[in-house]
Each structure stands twice: as structure tokens, then as C-alpha cells.
Amino acid sequence: MAQCTIDSTRSPFDSYALIAVTNEGVEAWLTGKRNVQAQLSSVAGFPAVTYWLSGANGRNAADCSTSVDVAGGQQLMVESYNTGDRIYTLEQLCQRAERAAGMAVETLKTLR
């Protein structure tokens, strides 16, 4: 699984991870077999799922992820983390993950 993590060395900073998952599509997050709460979404016109650890809410969330269905059985996973000086709510983390996923997909479209 290829992963690209983006961190800044200066405070305040934000943390994201982009992961190319080539062995399963986004439907894996919707099966109920994982310890996450998930909701369907859409990113740059592609089906997507936004999910977070079950039980996380408000200000106790460590991260939120958005996985974009980029091809059959493949997904681009984008994680937004609570690190550094700023603490984001779960809703803010999910918005940040979806926004970063949108930027990544738009960049991928230019590489075709």
C-alpha cells in the first residue's frame, strides 16, 4: 500500500495521509464489519465514503478519512489527523479530509 504523508515541521501544522489502496474499493467501509461509522459522499464527481472510528464525536476525534472510488476494487484514502496546536472537531476533520480528497482527485485527473 503506497502512502504519502504531508506534515509541516512548523507549528501550527496540519497532518494528512494519502494512501493508494489497490486491493479493495470503498464498499469495504460500508459492510459494517469494521469499527467505523461511515456515510456515503461524493468527491469531484466520484463516489466516496467518509468514515471515522466508532464512538468518536465532537472534540474527542483523532482522525477522519474519506476514501474515493477511483477504479474497480481501488480507492484513494485521505486521512485528516488531529495533531499539533490546533484541535479540530470531528465535523471539521471530515470536511478537511473531503476537501483534501477533492484536491488529490483533481490532480489525478490532470495526469491522464
PDB file of N, CA and C in Angstrom:
ATOM      1  N   MET A   1       0.849  -1.155   0.000  1.00  0.00           N
ATOM      2  CA  MET A   1       0.000   0.000   0.000  1.00  0.00           C
ATOM      3  C   MET A   1       0.904   1.230   0.000  1.00  0.00           C
ATOM      4  N   ALA A   2       0.790   2.042  -1.032  1.00  0.00           N
ATOM      5  CA  ALA A   2       1.598   3.260  -1.137  1.00  0.00           C
ATOM      6  C   ALA A   2       0.980   4.349  -0.269  1.00  0.00           C
ATOM      7  N   GLN A   3       1.808   5.107   0.419  1.00  0.00           N
ATOM      8  CA  GLN A   3       1.309   6.162   1.294  1.00  0.00           C
ATOM      9  C   GLN A   3       2.173   7.398   1.170  1.00  0.00           C
ATOM     10  N   CYS A   4       1.516   8.535   1.170  1.00  0.00           N
ATOM     11  CA  CYS A   4       2.206   9.818   1.164  1.00  0.00           C
ATOM     12  C   CYS A   4       1.676  10.609   2.339  1.00  0.00           C
ATOM     13  N   THR A   5       2.526  10.971   3.283  1.00  0.00           N
ATOM     14  CA  THR A   5       2.102  11.735   4.447  1.00  0.00           C
ATOM     15  C   THR A   5       2.610  13.157   4.304  1.00  0.00           C
ATOM     16  N   ILE A   6       1.722  14.106   4.562  1.00  0.00           N
ATOM     17  CA  ILE A   6       2.086  15.515   4.444  1.00  0.00           C
ATOM     18  C   ILE A   6       2.049  16.139   5.831  1.00  0.00           C
ATOM     19  N   ASP A   7       3.188  16.541   6.336  1.00  0.00           N
ATOM     20  CA  ASP A   7       3.289  17.217   7.625  1.00  0.00           C
ATOM     21  C   ASP A   7       4.143  18.458   7.456  1.00  0.00           C
ATOM     22  N   SER A   8       3.898  19.422   8.288  1.00  0.00           N
ATOM     23  CA  SER A   8       4.734  20.609   8.336  1.00  0.00           C
ATOM     24  C   SER A   8       5.577  20.513   9.600  1.00  0.00           C
ATOM     25  N   THR A   9       6.788  21.009   9.543  1.00  0.00           N
ATOM     26  CA  THR A   9       7.652  20.952  10.723  1.00  0.00           C
ATOM     27  C   THR A   9       7.481  22.178  11.616  1.00  0.00           C
ATOM     28  N   ARG A  10       6.699  23.124  11.176  1.00  0.00           N
ATOM     29  CA  ARG A  10       6.476  24.321  11.980  1.00  0.00           C
ATOM     30  C   ARG A  10       5.102  24.272  12.620  1.00  0.00           C
ATOM     31  N   SER A  11       4.994  24.812  13.807  1.00  0.00           N
ATOM     32  CA  SER A  11       3.718  24.865  14.495  1.00  0.00           C
ATOM     33  C   SER A  11       3.052  26.198  14.183  1.00  0.00           C
ATOM     34  N   PRO A  12       1.757  26.319  14.014  1.00  0.00           N
ATOM     35  CA  PRO A  12       0.817  25.198  13.987  1.00  0.00           C
ATOM     36  C   PRO A  12       0.885  24.468  12.651  1.00  0.00           C
ATOM     37  N   PHE A  13       0.569  23.197  12.674  1.00  0.00           N
ATOM     38  CA  PHE A  13       0.600  22.416  11.452  1.00  0.00           C
ATOM     39  C   PHE A  13      -0.601  21.482  11.386  1.00  0.00           C
ATOM     40  N   ASP A  14      -0.864  20.988  10.207  1.00  0.00           N
ATOM     41  CA  ASP A  14      -1.930  20.028   9.985  1.00  0.00           C
ATOM     42  C   ASP A  14      -1.316  18.772   9.398  1.00  0.00           C
ATOM     43  N   SER A  15      -1.982  17.655   9.590  1.00  0.00           N
ATOM     44  CA  SER A  15      -1.435  16.392   9.134  1.00  0.00           C
ATOM     45  C   SER A  15      -2.458  15.636   8.301  1.00  0.00           C
ATOM     46  N   TYR A  16      -2.008  15.146   7.153  1.00  0.00           N
ATOM     47  CA  TYR A  16      -2.830  14.348   6.247  1.00  0.00           C
ATOM     48  C   TYR A  16      -2.013  13.146   5.787  1.00  0.00           C
ATOM     49  N   ALA A  17      -2.702  12.089   5.431  1.00  0.00           N
ATOM     50  CA  ALA A  17      -2.066  10.949   4.768  1.00  0.00           C
ATOM     51  C   ALA A  17      -2.915  10.613   3.546  1.00  0.00           C
ATOM     52  N   LEU A  18      -2.254  10.351   2.423  1.00  0.00           N
ATOM     53  CA  LEU A  18      -2.918   9.913   1.199  1.00  0.00           C
ATOM     54  C   LEU A  18      -2.405   8.518   0.901  1.00  0.00           C
ATOM     55  N   ILE A  19      -3.321   7.583   0.742  1.00  0.00           N
ATOM     56  CA  ILE A  19      -2.952   6.185   0.566  1.00  0.00           C
ATOM     57  C   ILE A  19      -3.666   5.624  -0.652  1.00  0.00           C
ATOM     58  N   ALA A  20      -2.922   5.023  -1.564  1.00  0.00           N
ATOM     59  CA  ALA A  20      -3.498   4.335  -2.716  1.00  0.00           C
ATOM     60  C   ALA A  20      -3.756   2.887  -2.308  1.00  0.00           C
ATOM     61  N   VAL A  21      -5.024   2.515  -2.237  1.00  0.00           N
ATOM     62  CA  VAL A  21      -5.403   1.153  -1.866  1.00  0.00           C
ATOM     63  C   VAL A  21      -5.817   0.435  -3.141  1.00  0.00           C
ATOM     64  N   THR A  22      -5.068  -0.590  -3.508  1.00  0.00           N
ATOM     65  CA  THR A  22      -5.303  -1.263  -4.788  1.00  0.00           C
ATOM     66  C   THR A  22      -5.938  -2.636  -4.646  1.00  0.00           C
ATOM     67  N   ASN A  23      -6.303  -3.030  -3.417  1.00  0.00           N
ATOM     68  CA  ASN A  23      -6.870  -4.361  -3.231  1.00  0.00           C
ATOM     69  C   ASN A  23      -8.320  -4.368  -2.752  1.00  0.00           C
ATOM     70  N   GLU A  24      -8.967  -3.205  -2.634  1.00  0.00           N
ATOM     71  CA  GLU A  24     -10.381  -3.148  -2.283  1.00  0.00           C
ATOM     72  C   GLU A  24     -10.939  -1.771  -2.587  1.00  0.00           C
ATOM     73  N   GLY A  25     -12.226  -1.739  -2.896  1.00  0.00           N
ATOM     74  CA  GLY A  25     -12.904  -0.484  -3.176  1.00  0.00           C
ATOM     75  C   GLY A  25     -13.524   0.105  -1.923  1.00  0.00           C
ATOM     76  N   VAL A  26     -14.207   1.224  -2.077  1.00  0.00           N
ATOM     77  CA  VAL A  26     -14.779   1.930  -0.932  1.00  0.00           C
ATOM     78  C   VAL A  26     -15.917   1.170  -0.262  1.00  0.00           C
ATOM     79  N   GLU A  27     -16.516   0.213  -0.982  1.00  0.00           N
ATOM     80  CA  GLU A  27     -17.628  -0.534  -0.399  1.00  0.00           C
ATOM     81  C   GLU A  27     -17.219  -1.284   0.870  1.00  0.00           C
ATOM     82  N   ALA A  28     -15.930  -1.557   1.032  1.00  0.00           N
ATOM     83  CA  ALA A  28     -15.440  -2.249   2.227  1.00  0.00           C
ATOM     84  C   ALA A  28     -15.757  -1.470   3.505  1.00  0.00           C
ATOM     85  N   TRP A  29     -15.857  -0.145   3.412  1.00  0.00           N
ATOM     86  CA  TRP A  29     -16.138   0.689   4.584  1.00  0.00           C
ATOM     87  C   TRP A  29     -17.612   0.667   4.959  1.00  0.00           C
ATOM     88  N   LEU A  30     -18.454   0.133   4.080  1.00  0.00           N
ATOM     89  CA  LEU A  30     -19.901   0.154   4.303  1.00  0.00           C
ATOM     90  C   LEU A  30     -20.468  -1.195   4.745  1.00  0.00           C
ATOM     91  N   THR A  31     -19.637  -2.196   4.917  1.00  0.00           N
ATOM     92  CA  THR A  31     -20.109  -3.544   5.233  1.00  0.00           C
ATOM     93  C   THR A  31     -20.574  -3.710   6.671  1.00  0.00           C
ATOM     94  N   GLY A  32     -20.161  -2.807   7.562  1.00  0.00           N
ATOM     95  CA  GLY A  32     -20.472  -2.958   8.977  1.00  0.00           C
ATOM     96  C   GLY A  32     -19.503  -3.879   9.693  1.00  0.00           C
ATOM     97  N   LYS A  33     -18.488  -4.377   8.996  1.00  0.00           N
ATOM     98  CA  LYS A  33     -17.515  -5.296   9.587  1.00  0.00           C
ATOM     99  C   LYS A  33     -16.298  -4.581  10.159  1.00  0.00           C
ATOM    100  N   ARG A  34     -16.252  -3.279  10.003  1.00  0.00           N
ATOM    101  CA  ARG A  34     -15.124  -2.503  10.534  1.00  0.00           C
ATOM    102  C   ARG A  34     -15.614  -1.604  11.663  1.00  0.00           C
ATOM    103  N   ASN A  35     -14.729  -1.242  12.552  1.00  0.00           N
ATOM    104  CA  ASN A  35     -15.078  -0.447  13.717  1.00  0.00           C
ATOM    105  C   ASN A  35     -15.132   1.038  13.365  1.00  0.00           C
ATOM    106  N   VAL A  36     -15.961   1.353  12.366  1.00  0.00           N
ATOM    107  CA  VAL A  36     -16.111   2.737  11.933  1.00  0.00           C
ATOM    108  C   VAL A  36     -17.578   3.067  11.724  1.00  0.00           C
ATOM    109  N   GLN A  37     -17.851   4.349  11.791  1.00  0.00           N
ATOM    110  CA  GLN A  37     -19.126   4.880  11.340  1.00  0.00           C
ATOM    111  C   GLN A  37     -18.844   5.482   9.973  1.00  0.00           C
ATOM    112  N   ALA A  38     -19.689   5.170   8.993  1.00  0.00           N
ATOM    113  CA  ALA A  38     -19.422   5.590   7.624  1.00  0.00           C
ATOM    114  C   ALA A  38     -20.661   6.197   6.991  1.00  0.00           C
ATOM    115  N   GLN A  39     -20.410   7.138   6.077  1.00  0.00           N
ATOM    116  CA  GLN A  39     -21.509   7.734   5.315  1.00  0.00           C
ATOM    117  C   GLN A  39     -21.066   7.932   3.880  1.00  0.00           C
ATOM    118  N   LEU A  40     -21.994   7.704   2.964  1.00  0.00           N
ATOM    119  CA  LEU A  40     -21.713   7.930   1.555  1.00  0.00           C
ATOM    120  C   LEU A  40     -21.512   9.405   1.291  1.00  0.00           C
ATOM    121  N   SER A  41     -20.623   9.706   0.389  1.00  0.00           N
ATOM    122  CA  SER A  41     -20.413  11.088  -0.029  1.00  0.00           C
ATOM    123  C   SER A  41     -19.980  11.068  -1.489  1.00  0.00           C
ATOM    124  N   SER A  42     -19.619  12.198  -1.997  1.00  0.00           N
ATOM    125  CA  SER A  42     -19.147  12.316  -3.372  1.00  0.00           C
ATOM    126  C   SER A  42     -17.987  13.293  -3.380  1.00  0.00           C
ATOM    127  N   VAL A  43     -16.956  12.950  -4.132  1.00  0.00           N
ATOM    128  CA  VAL A  43     -15.770  13.807  -4.218  1.00  0.00           C
ATOM    129  C   VAL A  43     -15.418  13.985  -5.688  1.00  0.00           C
ATOM    130  N   ALA A  44     -15.455  15.212  -6.154  1.00  0.00           N
ATOM    131  CA  ALA A  44     -15.095  15.548  -7.534  1.00  0.00           C
ATOM    132  C   ALA A  44     -15.836  14.668  -8.540  1.00  0.00           C
ATOM    133  N   GLY A  45     -17.097  14.369  -8.233  1.00  0.00           N
ATOM    134  CA  GLY A  45     -17.914  13.574  -9.140  1.00  0.00           C
ATOM    135  C   GLY A  45     -17.739  12.071  -9.005  1.00  0.00           C
ATOM    136  N   PHE A  46     -16.914  11.623  -8.073  1.00  0.00           N
ATOM    137  CA  PHE A  46     -16.693  10.199  -7.853  1.00  0.00           C
ATOM    138  C   PHE A  46     -17.402   9.764  -6.568  1.00  0.00           C
ATOM    139  N   PRO A  47     -17.914   8.523  -6.534  1.00  0.00           N
ATOM    140  CA  PRO A  47     -18.478   8.023  -5.277  1.00  0.00           C
ATOM    141  C   PRO A  47     -17.388   7.963  -4.209  1.00  0.00           C
ATOM    142  N   ALA A  48     -17.779   8.246  -2.980  1.00  0.00           N
ATOM    143  CA  ALA A  48     -16.815   8.257  -1.878  1.00  0.00           C
ATOM    144  C   ALA A  48     -17.522   7.863  -0.587  1.00  0.00           C
ATOM    145  N   VAL A  49     -16.726   7.524   0.405  1.00  0.00           N
ATOM    146  CA  VAL A  49     -17.223   7.214   1.738  1.00  0.00           C
ATOM    147  C   VAL A  49     -16.369   7.988   2.736  1.00  0.00           C
ATOM    148  N   THR A  50     -17.024   8.677   3.640  1.00  0.00           N
ATOM    149  CA  THR A  50     -16.327   9.363   4.723  1.00  0.00           C
ATOM    150  C   THR A  50     -16.596   8.573   6.001  1.00  0.00           C
ATOM    151  N   TYR A  51     -15.544   8.307   6.778  1.00  0.00           N
ATOM    152  CA  TYR A  51     -15.705   7.435   7.945  1.00  0.00           C
ATOM    153  C   TYR A  51     -14.750   7.850   9.063  1.00  0.00           C
ATOM    154  N   TRP A  52     -15.128   7.428  10.281  1.00  0.00           N
ATOM    155  CA  TRP A  52     -14.353   7.737  11.474  1.00  0.00           C
ATOM    156  C   TRP A  52     -14.546   6.599  12.461  1.00  0.00           C
ATOM    157  N   LEU A  53     -13.679   6.512  13.433  1.00  0.00           N
ATOM    158  CA  LEU A  53     -13.714   5.459  14.433  1.00  0.00           C
ATOM    159  C   LEU A  53     -15.037   5.509  15.194  1.00  0.00           C
ATOM    160  N   SER A  54     -15.676   4.357  15.352  1.00  0.00           N
ATOM    161  CA  SER A  54     -16.933   4.299  16.106  1.00  0.00           C
ATOM    162  C   SER A  54     -16.728   4.872  17.503  1.00  0.00           C
ATOM    163  N   GLY A  55     -17.670   5.664  17.930  1.00  0.00           N
ATOM    164  CA  GLY A  55     -17.600   6.274  19.250  1.00  0.00           C
ATOM    165  C   GLY A  55     -16.969   7.652  19.266  1.00  0.00           C
ATOM    166  N   ALA A  56     -16.261   8.004  18.209  1.00  0.00           N
ATOM    167  CA  ALA A  56     -15.654   9.346  18.150  1.00  0.00           C
ATOM    168  C   ALA A  56     -16.756  10.370  17.890  1.00  0.00           C
ATOM    169  N   ASN A  57     -16.639  11.502  18.535  1.00  0.00           N
ATOM    170  CA  ASN A  57     -17.582  12.590  18.287  1.00  0.00           C
ATOM    171  C   ASN A  57     -16.994  13.891  18.801  1.00  0.00           C
ATOM    172  N   GLY A  58     -17.598  14.960  18.377  1.00  0.00           N
ATOM    173  CA  GLY A  58     -17.178  16.264  18.871  1.00  0.00           C
ATOM    174  C   GLY A  58     -15.685  16.478  18.861  1.00  0.00           C
ATOM    175  N   ARG A  59     -15.123  16.728  20.048  1.00  0.00           N
ATOM    176  CA  ARG A  59     -13.713  17.060  20.157  1.00  0.00           C
ATOM    177  C   ARG A  59     -12.828  15.871  20.528  1.00  0.00           C
ATOM    178  N   ASN A  60     -13.378  14.679  20.637  1.00  0.00           N
ATOM    179  CA  ASN A  60     -12.530  13.547  21.018  1.00  0.00           C
ATOM    180  C   ASN A  60     -12.074  12.727  19.814  1.00  0.00           C
ATOM    181  N   ALA A  61     -12.234  13.255  18.618  1.00  0.00           N
ATOM    182  CA  ALA A  61     -11.856  12.522  17.407  1.00  0.00           C
ATOM    183  C   ALA A  61     -10.370  12.680  17.125  1.00  0.00           C
ATOM    184  N   ALA A  62      -9.724  11.574  16.820  1.00  0.00           N
ATOM    185  CA  ALA A  62      -8.307  11.613  16.459  1.00  0.00           C
ATOM    186  C   ALA A  62      -8.137  11.857  14.975  1.00  0.00           C
ATOM    187  N   ASP A  63      -9.076  11.335  14.166  1.00  0.00           N
ATOM    188  CA  ASP A  63      -8.967  11.496  12.720  1.00  0.00           C
ATOM    189  C   ASP A  63     -10.301  11.238  12.040  1.00  0.00           C
ATOM    190  N   CYS A  64     -10.345  11.552  10.770  1.00  0.00           N
ATOM    191  CA  CYS A  64     -11.477  11.255   9.903  1.00  0.00           C
ATOM    192  C   CYS A  64     -10.892  10.994   8.522  1.00  0.00           C
ATOM    193  N   SER A  65     -11.501  10.065   7.796  1.00  0.00           N
ATOM    194  CA  SER A  65     -10.983   9.686   6.485  1.00  0.00           C
ATOM    195  C   SER A  65     -12.064   9.754   5.423  1.00  0.00           C
ATOM    196  N   THR A  66     -11.632  10.011   4.209  1.00  0.00           N
ATOM    197  CA  THR A  66     -12.501   9.929   3.042  1.00  0.00           C
ATOM    198  C   THR A  66     -11.802   9.052   2.022  1.00  0.00           C
ATOM    199  N   SER A  67     -12.522   8.030   1.553  1.00  0.00           N
ATOM    200  CA  SER A  67     -11.996   7.146   0.510  1.00  0.00           C
ATOM    201  C   SER A  67     -12.815   7.360  -0.751  1.00  0.00           C
ATOM    202  N   VAL A  68     -12.107   7.570  -1.856  1.00  0.00           N
ATOM    203  CA  VAL A  68     -12.741   7.853  -3.140  1.00  0.00           C
ATOM    204  C   VAL A  68     -12.617   6.622  -4.025  1.00  0.00           C
ATOM    205  N   ASP A  69     -13.722   6.224  -4.633  1.00  0.00           N
ATOM    206  CA  ASP A  69     -13.755   5.078  -5.544  1.00  0.00           C
ATOM    207  C   ASP A  69     -13.176   5.525  -6.882  1.00  0.00           C
ATOM    208  N   VAL A  70     -11.898   5.258  -7.093  1.00  0.00           N
ATOM    209  CA  VAL A  70     -11.218   5.743  -8.301  1.00  0.00           C
ATOM    210  C   VAL A  70     -11.204   4.730  -9.435  1.00  0.00           C
ATOM    211  N   ALA A  71     -11.415   3.450  -9.128  1.00  0.00           N
ATOM    212  CA  ALA A  71     -11.479   2.392 -10.143  1.00  0.00           C
ATOM    213  C   ALA A  71     -12.033   1.151  -9.461  1.00  0.00           C
ATOM    214  N   GLY A  72     -12.470   0.172 -10.237  1.00  0.00           N
ATOM    215  CA  GLY A  72     -12.999  -1.046  -9.660  1.00  0.00           C
ATOM    216  C   GLY A  72     -12.014  -1.683  -8.705  1.00  0.00           C
ATOM    217  N   GLY A  73     -12.430  -1.869  -7.448  1.00  0.00           N
ATOM    218  CA  GLY A  73     -11.561  -2.504  -6.474  1.00  0.00           C
ATOM    219  C   GLY A  73     -10.382  -1.661  -6.024  1.00  0.00           C
ATOM    220  N   GLN A  74     -10.446  -0.343  -6.248  1.00  0.00           N
ATOM    221  CA  GLN A  74      -9.359   0.544  -5.847  1.00  0.00           C
ATOM    222  C   GLN A  74      -9.927   1.817  -5.238  1.00  0.00           C
ATOM    223  N   GLN A  75      -9.200   2.361  -4.290  1.00  0.00           N
ATOM    224  CA  GLN A  75      -9.640   3.598  -3.638  1.00  0.00           C
ATOM    225  C   GLN A  75      -8.447   4.479  -3.307  1.00  0.00           C
ATOM    226  N   LEU A  76      -8.718   5.771  -3.276  1.00  0.00           N
ATOM    227  CA  LEU A  76      -7.748   6.738  -2.776  1.00  0.00           C
ATOM    228  C   LEU A  76      -8.244   7.145  -1.402  1.00  0.00           C
ATOM    229  N   MET A  77      -7.481   6.812  -0.378  1.00  0.00           N
ATOM    230  CA  MET A  77      -7.853   7.107   1.003  1.00  0.00           C
ATOM    231  C   MET A  77      -7.110   8.349   1.472  1.00  0.00           C
ATOM    232  N   VAL A  78      -7.850   9.284   2.024  1.00  0.00           N
ATOM    233  CA  VAL A  78      -7.255  10.511   2.556  1.00  0.00           C
ATOM    234  C   VAL A  78      -7.659  10.636   4.019  1.00  0.00           C
ATOM    235  N   GLU A  79      -6.672  10.724   4.895  1.00  0.00           N
ATOM    236  CA  GLU A  79      -6.909  10.839   6.330  1.00  0.00           C
ATOM    237  C   GLU A  79      -6.498  12.225   6.813  1.00  0.00           C
ATOM    238  N   SER A  80      -7.326  12.814   7.654  1.00  0.00           N
ATOM    239  CA  SER A  80      -7.029  14.094   8.283  1.00  0.00           C
ATOM    240  C   SER A  80      -6.907  13.835   9.786  1.00  0.00           C
ATOM    241  N   TYR A  81      -5.793  14.258  10.371  1.00  0.00           N
ATOM    242  CA  TYR A  81      -5.486  13.951  11.773  1.00  0.00           C
ATOM    243  C   TYR A  81      -5.537  15.190  12.662  1.00  0.00           C
ATOM    244  N   ASN A  82      -5.861  14.961  13.920  1.00  0.00           N
ATOM    245  CA  ASN A  82      -5.735  15.986  14.953  1.00  0.00           C
ATOM    246  C   ASN A  82      -4.325  15.883  15.519  1.00  0.00           C
ATOM    247  N   THR A  83      -3.462  16.789  15.101  1.00  0.00           N
ATOM    248  CA  THR A  83      -2.094  16.844  15.611  1.00  0.00           C
ATOM    249  C   THR A  83      -1.701  18.303  15.756  1.00  0.00           C
ATOM    250  N   GLY A  84      -0.667  18.555  16.484  1.00  0.00           N
ATOM    251  CA  GLY A  84      -0.172  19.917  16.601  1.00  0.00           C
ATOM    252  C   GLY A  84      -0.978  20.765  17.556  1.00  0.00           C
ATOM    253  N   ASP A  85      -0.917  22.068  17.359  1.00  0.00           N
ATOM    254  CA  ASP A  85      -1.540  23.017  18.272  1.00  0.00           C
ATOM    255  C   ASP A  85      -3.042  23.159  18.079  1.00  0.00           C
ATOM    256  N   ARG A  86      -3.517  22.966  16.856  1.00  0.00           N
ATOM    257  CA  ARG A  86      -4.940  23.127  16.580  1.00  0.00           C
ATOM    258  C   ARG A  86      -5.668  21.804  16.795  1.00  0.00           C
ATOM    259  N   ILE A  87      -6.798  21.871  17.441  1.00  0.00           N
ATOM    260  CA  ILE A  87      -7.630  20.687  17.623  1.00  0.00           C
ATOM    261  C   ILE A  87      -8.940  20.939  16.879  1.00  0.00           C
ATOM    262  N   TYR A  88      -9.247  20.040  15.956  1.00  0.00           N
ATOM    263  CA  TYR A  88     -10.457  20.158  15.150  1.00  0.00           C
ATOM    264  C   TYR A  88     -11.539  19.224  15.669  1.00  0.00           C
ATOM    265  N   THR A  89     -12.785  19.616  15.495  1.00  0.00           N
ATOM    266  CA  THR A  89     -13.897  18.734  15.828  1.00  0.00           C
ATOM    267  C   THR A  89     -13.969  17.628  14.775  1.00  0.00           C
ATOM    268  N   LEU A  90     -14.740  16.603  15.059  1.00  0.00           N
ATOM    269  CA  LEU A  90     -14.919  15.521  14.100  1.00  0.00           C
ATOM    270  C   LEU A  90     -15.470  16.060  12.781  1.00  0.00           C
ATOM    271  N   GLU A  91     -16.450  16.923  12.852  1.00  0.00           N
ATOM    272  CA  GLU A  91     -17.024  17.504  11.636  1.00  0.00           C
ATOM    273  C   GLU A  91     -15.959  18.251  10.830  1.00  0.00           C
ATOM    274  N   GLN A  92     -15.122  19.028  11.496  1.00  0.00           N
ATOM    275  CA  GLN A  92     -14.063  19.758  10.798  1.00  0.00           C
ATOM    276  C   GLN A  92     -13.038  18.803  10.180  1.00  0.00           C
ATOM    277  N   LEU A  93     -12.661  17.747  10.915  1.00  0.00           N
ATOM    278  CA  LEU A  93     -11.724  16.766  10.371  1.00  0.00           C
ATOM    279  C   LEU A  93     -12.284  16.117   9.114  1.00  0.00           C
ATOM    280  N   CYS A  94     -13.560  15.761   9.142  1.00  0.00           N
ATOM    281  CA  CYS A  94     -14.184  15.131   7.974  1.00  0.00           C
ATOM    282  C   CYS A  94     -14.256  16.101   6.798  1.00  0.00           C
ATOM    283  N   GLN A  95     -14.573  17.353   7.058  1.00  0.00           N
ATOM    284  CA  GLN A  95     -14.590  18.359   5.988  1.00  0.00           C
ATOM    285  C   GLN A  95     -13.199  18.512   5.386  1.00  0.00           C
ATOM    286  N   ARG A  96     -12.187  18.498   6.227  1.00  0.00           N
ATOM    287  CA  ARG A  96     -10.810  18.646   5.755  1.00  0.00           C
ATOM    288  C   ARG A  96     -10.397  17.426   4.922  1.00  0.00           C
ATOM    289  N   ALA A  97     -10.793  16.223   5.356  1.00  0.00           N
ATOM    290  CA  ALA A  97     -10.475  15.010   4.598  1.00  0.00           C
ATOM    291  C   ALA A  97     -11.150  15.043   3.231  1.00  0.00           C
ATOM    292  N   GLU A  98     -12.415  15.437   3.186  1.00  0.00           N
ATOM    293  CA  GLU A  98     -13.132  15.506   1.911  1.00  0.00           C
ATOM    294  C   GLU A  98     -12.524  16.560   0.989  1.00  0.00           C
ATOM    295  N   ARG A  99     -12.153  17.699   1.550  1.00  0.00           N
ATOM    296  CA  ARG A  99     -11.548  18.768   0.740  1.00  0.00           C
ATOM    297  C   ARG A  99     -10.195  18.326   0.178  1.00  0.00           C
ATOM    298  N   ALA A 100      -9.365  17.695   1.011  1.00  0.00           N
ATOM    299  CA  ALA A 100      -8.061  17.209   0.551  1.00  0.00           C
ATOM    300  C   ALA A 100      -8.240  16.100  -0.488  1.00  0.00           C
ATOM    301  N   ALA A 101      -9.229  15.230  -0.297  1.00  0.00           N
ATOM    302  CA  ALA A 101      -9.505  14.179  -1.279  1.00  0.00           C
ATOM    303  C   ALA A 101      -9.903  14.796  -2.615  1.00  0.00           C
ATOM    304  N   GLY A 102     -10.704  15.852  -2.569  1.00  0.00           N
ATOM    305  CA  GLY A 102     -11.088  16.549  -3.802  1.00  0.00           C
ATOM    306  C   GLY A 102      -9.889  17.119  -4.530  1.00  0.00           C
ATOM    307  N   MET A 103      -8.972  17.725  -3.790  1.00  0.00           N
ATOM    308  CA  MET A 103      -7.765  18.274  -4.424  1.00  0.00           C
ATOM    309  C   MET A 103      -6.915  17.166  -5.035  1.00  0.00           C
ATOM    310  N   ALA A 104      -6.800  16.040  -4.332  1.00  0.00           N
ATOM    311  CA  ALA A 104      -5.997  14.922  -4.838  1.00  0.00           C
ATOM    312  C   ALA A 104      -6.617  14.345  -6.113  1.00  0.00           C
ATOM    313  N   VAL A 105      -7.942  14.181  -6.122  1.00  0.00           N
ATOM    314  CA  VAL A 105      -8.614  13.638  -7.314  1.00  0.00           C
ATOM    315  C   VAL A 105      -8.480  14.594  -8.492  1.00  0.00           C
ATOM    316  N   GLU A 106      -8.638  15.875  -8.242  1.00  0.00           N
ATOM    317  CA  GLU A 106      -8.497  16.846  -9.328  1.00  0.00           C
ATOM    318  C   GLU A 106      -7.086  16.801  -9.895  1.00  0.00           C
ATOM    319  N   THR A 107      -6.088  16.623  -9.039  1.00  0.00           N
ATOM    320  CA  THR A 107      -4.713  16.487  -9.523  1.00  0.00           C
ATOM    321  C   THR A 107      -4.548  15.214 -10.347  1.00  0.00           C
ATOM    322  N   LEU A 108      -5.123  14.104  -9.876  1.00  0.00           N
ATOM    323  CA  LEU A 108      -5.030  12.845 -10.622  1.00  0.00           C
ATOM    324  C   LEU A 108      -5.667  12.969 -12.012  1.00  0.00           C
ATOM    325  N   LYS A 109      -6.753  13.713 -12.108  1.00  0.00           N
ATOM    326  CA  LYS A 109      -7.423  13.897 -13.405  1.00  0.00           C
ATOM    327  C   LYS A 109      -6.496  14.557 -14.428  1.00  0.00           C
ATOM    328  N   THR A 110      -5.626  15.421 -13.975  1.00  0.00           N
ATOM    329  CA  THR A 110      -4.728  16.124 -14.898  1.00  0.00           C
ATOM    330  C   THR A 110      -3.608  15.217 -15.413  1.00  0.00           C
ATOM    331  N   LEU A 111      -3.408  14.071 -14.778  1.00  0.00           N
ATOM    332  CA  LEU A 111      -2.314  13.184 -15.127  1.00  0.00           C
ATOM    333  C   LEU A 111      -2.724  12.105 -16.136  1.00  0.00           C
ATOM    334  N   ARG A 112      -3.965  12.105 -16.542  1.00  0.00           N
ATOM    335  CA  ARG A 112      -4.443  11.106 -17.513  1.00  0.00           C
ATOM    336  C   ARG A 112      -3.848  11.290 -18.856  1.00  0.00           C
TER     337      ARG A 112
END
